[in-house]
Amino acid sequence: MNEPLKKPTQAQRILEVLTNANGQWVSGSYMLHTMLLSQYHARIWSLQKEGHKIEASDFTDKFGFKFYRIKQEGVQTSLFNKIITHEEGTKKLLGY
């Protein structure tokens, strides 16, 4: 008998996006508007409690959304690192 596929949890989805970003910043706006995760803050907090080294930016976009990434040892936080925004993520998902 075929077992139904289990959907990944919201926390698993966030962790996958942050891992695939390879140290690049991912916008909270992307998580809210593209991934449709209204409680992404709580999911990030639970991942941090599990020991994942997720850092929040000191800067925000024009709407006040912070950016997040998996902290990499020996890499300084820099605004010059690539940022994945809501618009860019949407274009990527749609194949633009």
N, C-alpha and C. Protein backbone atom coordinates (compact mmCIF):
# COMPACT_ATOMS: atom_id res chain seq x y z
N MET A 1 0.81 -1.17 0.00
CA MET A 1 0.00 0.00 0.00
C MET A 1 0.87 1.25 0.00
N ASN A 2 0.45 2.24 -0.73
CA ASN A 2 1.21 3.49 -0.78
C ASN A 2 0.86 4.36 0.42
N GLU A 3 1.89 4.80 1.11
CA GLU A 3 1.69 5.72 2.22
C GLU A 3 1.61 7.13 1.66
N PRO A 4 0.75 7.96 2.22
CA PRO A 4 0.67 9.34 1.74
C PRO A 4 1.98 10.09 2.03
N LEU A 5 2.33 10.97 1.12
CA LEU A 5 3.53 11.78 1.32
C LEU A 5 3.29 12.75 2.46
N LYS A 6 4.28 12.88 3.33
CA LYS A 6 4.16 13.81 4.44
C LYS A 6 4.68 15.17 3.98
N LYS A 7 3.88 16.19 4.21
CA LYS A 7 4.30 17.54 3.88
C LYS A 7 5.35 17.99 4.90
N PRO A 8 6.36 18.72 4.44
CA PRO A 8 7.34 19.24 5.40
C PRO A 8 6.67 20.27 6.31
N THR A 9 7.15 20.35 7.53
CA THR A 9 6.63 21.35 8.46
C THR A 9 7.10 22.74 8.02
N GLN A 10 6.49 23.76 8.58
CA GLN A 10 6.91 25.13 8.26
C GLN A 10 8.36 25.35 8.66
N ALA A 11 8.75 24.83 9.80
CA ALA A 11 10.14 24.97 10.25
C ALA A 11 11.08 24.27 9.28
N GLN A 12 10.71 23.09 8.80
CA GLN A 12 11.55 22.38 7.83
C GLN A 12 11.67 23.16 6.53
N ARG A 13 10.58 23.78 6.10
CA ARG A 13 10.61 24.59 4.88
C ARG A 13 11.55 25.79 5.04
N ILE A 14 11.47 26.45 6.18
CA ILE A 14 12.34 27.60 6.43
C ILE A 14 13.80 27.16 6.47
N LEU A 15 14.07 26.08 7.16
CA LEU A 15 15.44 25.58 7.26
C LEU A 15 15.98 25.22 5.87
N GLU A 16 15.16 24.63 5.04
CA GLU A 16 15.58 24.28 3.69
C GLU A 16 15.92 25.53 2.87
N VAL A 17 15.08 26.55 2.95
CA VAL A 17 15.34 27.80 2.22
C VAL A 17 16.62 28.45 2.71
N LEU A 18 16.80 28.53 4.02
CA LEU A 18 18.00 29.16 4.56
C LEU A 18 19.25 28.36 4.22
N THR A 19 19.16 27.05 4.24
CA THR A 19 20.30 26.20 3.89
C THR A 19 20.66 26.36 2.42
N ASN A 20 19.65 26.36 1.56
CA ASN A 20 19.88 26.51 0.12
C ASN A 20 20.38 27.89 -0.26
N ALA A 21 20.18 28.88 0.62
CA ALA A 21 20.65 30.24 0.35
C ALA A 21 22.16 30.36 0.52
N ASN A 22 22.80 29.34 1.09
CA ASN A 22 24.27 29.32 1.22
C ASN A 22 24.85 30.58 1.86
N GLY A 23 24.27 30.99 2.98
CA GLY A 23 24.80 32.14 3.69
C GLY A 23 24.27 33.48 3.23
N GLN A 24 23.44 33.48 2.19
CA GLN A 24 22.84 34.73 1.72
C GLN A 24 21.66 35.08 2.62
N TRP A 25 21.35 36.34 2.69
CA TRP A 25 20.23 36.81 3.48
C TRP A 25 18.91 36.48 2.79
N VAL A 26 17.93 36.03 3.56
CA VAL A 26 16.59 35.75 3.05
C VAL A 26 15.62 36.68 3.78
N SER A 27 14.81 37.39 3.03
CA SER A 27 13.90 38.38 3.58
C SER A 27 12.73 37.74 4.33
N GLY A 28 12.36 38.36 5.44
CA GLY A 28 11.15 37.95 6.13
C GLY A 28 9.93 38.15 5.24
N SER A 29 10.00 39.14 4.38
CA SER A 29 8.92 39.38 3.41
C SER A 29 8.76 38.19 2.47
N TYR A 30 9.88 37.60 2.07
CA TYR A 30 9.84 36.40 1.22
C TYR A 30 9.14 35.26 1.95
N MET A 31 9.47 35.08 3.21
CA MET A 31 8.85 34.00 3.98
C MET A 31 7.35 34.23 4.16
N LEU A 32 6.97 35.48 4.35
CA LEU A 32 5.57 35.80 4.56
C LEU A 32 4.78 35.75 3.25
N HIS A 33 5.25 36.45 2.23
CA HIS A 33 4.46 36.63 1.01
C HIS A 33 4.64 35.53 -0.03
N THR A 34 5.80 34.95 -0.12
CA THR A 34 6.04 33.91 -1.13
C THR A 34 5.84 32.52 -0.56
N MET A 35 6.39 32.29 0.64
CA MET A 35 6.24 30.98 1.27
C MET A 35 4.92 30.86 2.04
N LEU A 36 4.23 31.99 2.22
CA LEU A 36 2.94 32.06 2.92
C LEU A 36 3.02 31.55 4.35
N LEU A 37 4.07 32.00 5.05
CA LEU A 37 4.29 31.60 6.45
C LEU A 37 4.09 32.83 7.34
N SER A 38 2.89 32.99 7.85
CA SER A 38 2.59 34.18 8.65
C SER A 38 3.28 34.15 10.02
N GLN A 39 3.64 32.96 10.50
CA GLN A 39 4.28 32.82 11.80
C GLN A 39 5.75 32.43 11.67
N TYR A 40 6.43 32.97 10.66
CA TYR A 40 7.82 32.57 10.42
C TYR A 40 8.73 32.92 11.60
N HIS A 41 8.43 34.01 12.33
CA HIS A 41 9.25 34.37 13.50
C HIS A 41 9.27 33.24 14.51
N ALA A 42 8.09 32.68 14.78
CA ALA A 42 7.98 31.59 15.76
C ALA A 42 8.72 30.35 15.29
N ARG A 43 8.66 30.08 13.99
CA ARG A 43 9.35 28.90 13.44
C ARG A 43 10.87 29.08 13.52
N ILE A 44 11.34 30.28 13.23
CA ILE A 44 12.77 30.57 13.33
C ILE A 44 13.21 30.44 14.78
N TRP A 45 12.41 30.96 15.69
CA TRP A 45 12.74 30.87 17.12
C TRP A 45 12.84 29.41 17.55
N SER A 46 11.90 28.56 17.09
CA SER A 46 11.96 27.15 17.48
C SER A 46 13.18 26.46 16.87
N LEU A 47 13.55 26.84 15.66
CA LEU A 47 14.76 26.27 15.05
C LEU A 47 16.00 26.69 15.84
N GLN A 48 16.02 27.94 16.29
CA GLN A 48 17.15 28.41 17.11
C GLN A 48 17.20 27.64 18.42
N LYS A 49 16.05 27.38 19.02
CA LYS A 49 16.01 26.62 20.27
C LYS A 49 16.52 25.19 20.07
N GLU A 50 16.35 24.65 18.87
CA GLU A 50 16.86 23.32 18.53
C GLU A 50 18.36 23.33 18.27
N GLY A 51 18.96 24.52 18.22
CA GLY A 51 20.41 24.61 18.05
C GLY A 51 20.87 25.10 16.68
N HIS A 52 19.94 25.43 15.80
CA HIS A 52 20.33 25.96 14.48
C HIS A 52 20.82 27.40 14.66
N LYS A 53 21.92 27.72 14.04
CA LYS A 53 22.54 29.03 14.17
C LYS A 53 21.96 29.98 13.12
N ILE A 54 20.76 30.46 13.37
CA ILE A 54 20.10 31.39 12.45
C ILE A 54 20.24 32.79 13.03
N GLU A 55 20.73 33.70 12.20
CA GLU A 55 20.89 35.08 12.66
C GLU A 55 19.93 35.99 11.92
N ALA A 56 19.52 37.02 12.61
CA ALA A 56 18.67 38.06 12.04
C ALA A 56 19.53 39.27 11.75
N SER A 57 19.20 39.97 10.68
CA SER A 57 19.98 41.16 10.30
C SER A 57 19.70 42.31 11.26
N ASP A 58 20.61 43.26 11.27
CA ASP A 58 20.41 44.50 12.00
C ASP A 58 19.68 45.52 11.13
N PHE A 59 19.52 45.21 9.86
CA PHE A 59 18.88 46.11 8.91
C PHE A 59 17.54 45.52 8.47
N THR A 60 16.69 46.37 7.93
CA THR A 60 15.38 45.94 7.45
C THR A 60 15.16 46.48 6.04
N ASP A 61 14.14 45.93 5.37
CA ASP A 61 13.76 46.50 4.08
C ASP A 61 12.86 47.71 4.34
N LYS A 62 12.35 48.31 3.29
CA LYS A 62 11.57 49.54 3.45
C LYS A 62 10.25 49.33 4.19
N PHE A 63 9.83 48.07 4.34
CA PHE A 63 8.59 47.77 5.04
C PHE A 63 8.84 47.28 6.48
N GLY A 64 10.11 47.23 6.88
CA GLY A 64 10.44 46.84 8.24
C GLY A 64 10.74 45.35 8.44
N PHE A 65 10.80 44.58 7.35
CA PHE A 65 11.11 43.15 7.46
C PHE A 65 12.60 42.96 7.64
N LYS A 66 12.97 42.13 8.60
CA LYS A 66 14.37 41.76 8.78
C LYS A 66 14.74 40.67 7.77
N PHE A 67 16.01 40.37 7.73
CA PHE A 67 16.54 39.32 6.87
C PHE A 67 17.16 38.25 7.76
N TYR A 68 17.20 37.03 7.28
CA TYR A 68 17.70 35.90 8.07
C TYR A 68 18.64 35.05 7.24
N ARG A 69 19.58 34.42 7.93
CA ARG A 69 20.47 33.47 7.28
C ARG A 69 21.04 32.53 8.33
N ILE A 70 21.60 31.44 7.84
CA ILE A 70 22.31 30.53 8.74
C ILE A 70 23.69 31.10 8.93
N LYS A 71 24.06 31.30 10.17
CA LYS A 71 25.35 31.89 10.49
C LYS A 71 26.47 30.94 10.09
N GLN A 72 27.42 31.47 9.38
CA GLN A 72 28.57 30.68 8.95
C GLN A 72 29.77 31.14 9.74
N GLU A 73 30.49 30.19 10.27
CA GLU A 73 31.67 30.50 11.07
C GLU A 73 32.71 31.21 10.21
N GLY A 74 33.29 32.27 10.76
CA GLY A 74 34.35 32.98 10.07
C GLY A 74 33.87 33.94 9.00
N VAL A 75 32.55 34.11 8.84
CA VAL A 75 32.01 35.03 7.83
C VAL A 75 31.43 36.22 8.56
N GLN A 76 31.90 37.41 8.19
CA GLN A 76 31.41 38.61 8.83
C GLN A 76 30.06 38.98 8.25
N THR A 77 29.20 39.52 9.11
CA THR A 77 27.92 40.03 8.64
C THR A 77 28.19 41.24 7.79
N SER A 78 27.64 41.24 6.59
CA SER A 78 27.85 42.34 5.67
C SER A 78 26.60 42.60 4.87
N LEU A 79 26.29 43.86 4.69
CA LEU A 79 25.17 44.25 3.86
C LEU A 79 25.47 43.94 2.39
N PHE A 80 26.74 43.72 2.07
CA PHE A 80 27.11 43.47 0.69
C PHE A 80 26.86 42.02 0.27
N ASN A 81 26.56 41.14 1.23
CA ASN A 81 26.19 39.78 0.85
C ASN A 81 24.88 39.84 0.08
N LYS A 82 24.70 38.91 -0.81
CA LYS A 82 23.48 38.89 -1.62
C LYS A 82 22.26 38.74 -0.72
N ILE A 83 21.21 39.44 -1.08
CA ILE A 83 19.97 39.41 -0.32
C ILE A 83 18.88 38.83 -1.22
N ILE A 84 18.15 37.84 -0.71
CA ILE A 84 17.03 37.27 -1.43
C ILE A 84 15.77 37.96 -0.94
N THR A 85 15.18 38.76 -1.82
CA THR A 85 14.00 39.52 -1.46
C THR A 85 12.74 38.79 -1.91
N HIS A 86 11.63 39.32 -1.52
CA HIS A 86 10.33 38.76 -1.92
C HIS A 86 10.21 38.75 -3.44
N GLU A 87 10.54 39.87 -4.09
CA GLU A 87 10.40 39.97 -5.54
C GLU A 87 11.32 38.99 -6.26
N GLU A 88 12.54 38.90 -5.81
CA GLU A 88 13.51 38.00 -6.43
C GLU A 88 13.10 36.54 -6.25
N GLY A 89 12.63 36.22 -5.06
CA GLY A 89 12.19 34.86 -4.79
C GLY A 89 10.99 34.47 -5.64
N THR A 90 10.07 35.41 -5.83
CA THR A 90 8.90 35.15 -6.67
C THR A 90 9.32 34.91 -8.10
N LYS A 91 10.23 35.71 -8.61
CA LYS A 91 10.72 35.53 -9.99
C LYS A 91 11.38 34.17 -10.14
N LYS A 92 12.14 33.75 -9.13
CA LYS A 92 12.81 32.47 -9.17
C LYS A 92 11.79 31.33 -9.21
N LEU A 93 10.75 31.45 -8.37
CA LEU A 93 9.71 30.42 -8.33
C LEU A 93 8.94 30.33 -9.63
N LEU A 94 8.73 31.48 -10.28
CA LEU A 94 7.95 31.53 -11.52
C LEU A 94 8.81 31.29 -12.76
N GLY A 95 10.11 31.21 -12.58
CA GLY A 95 11.02 30.91 -13.69
C GLY A 95 11.37 32.09 -14.56
N TYR A 96 11.32 33.30 -14.02
CA TYR A 96 11.68 34.49 -14.79
C TYR A 96 13.17 34.62 -14.89
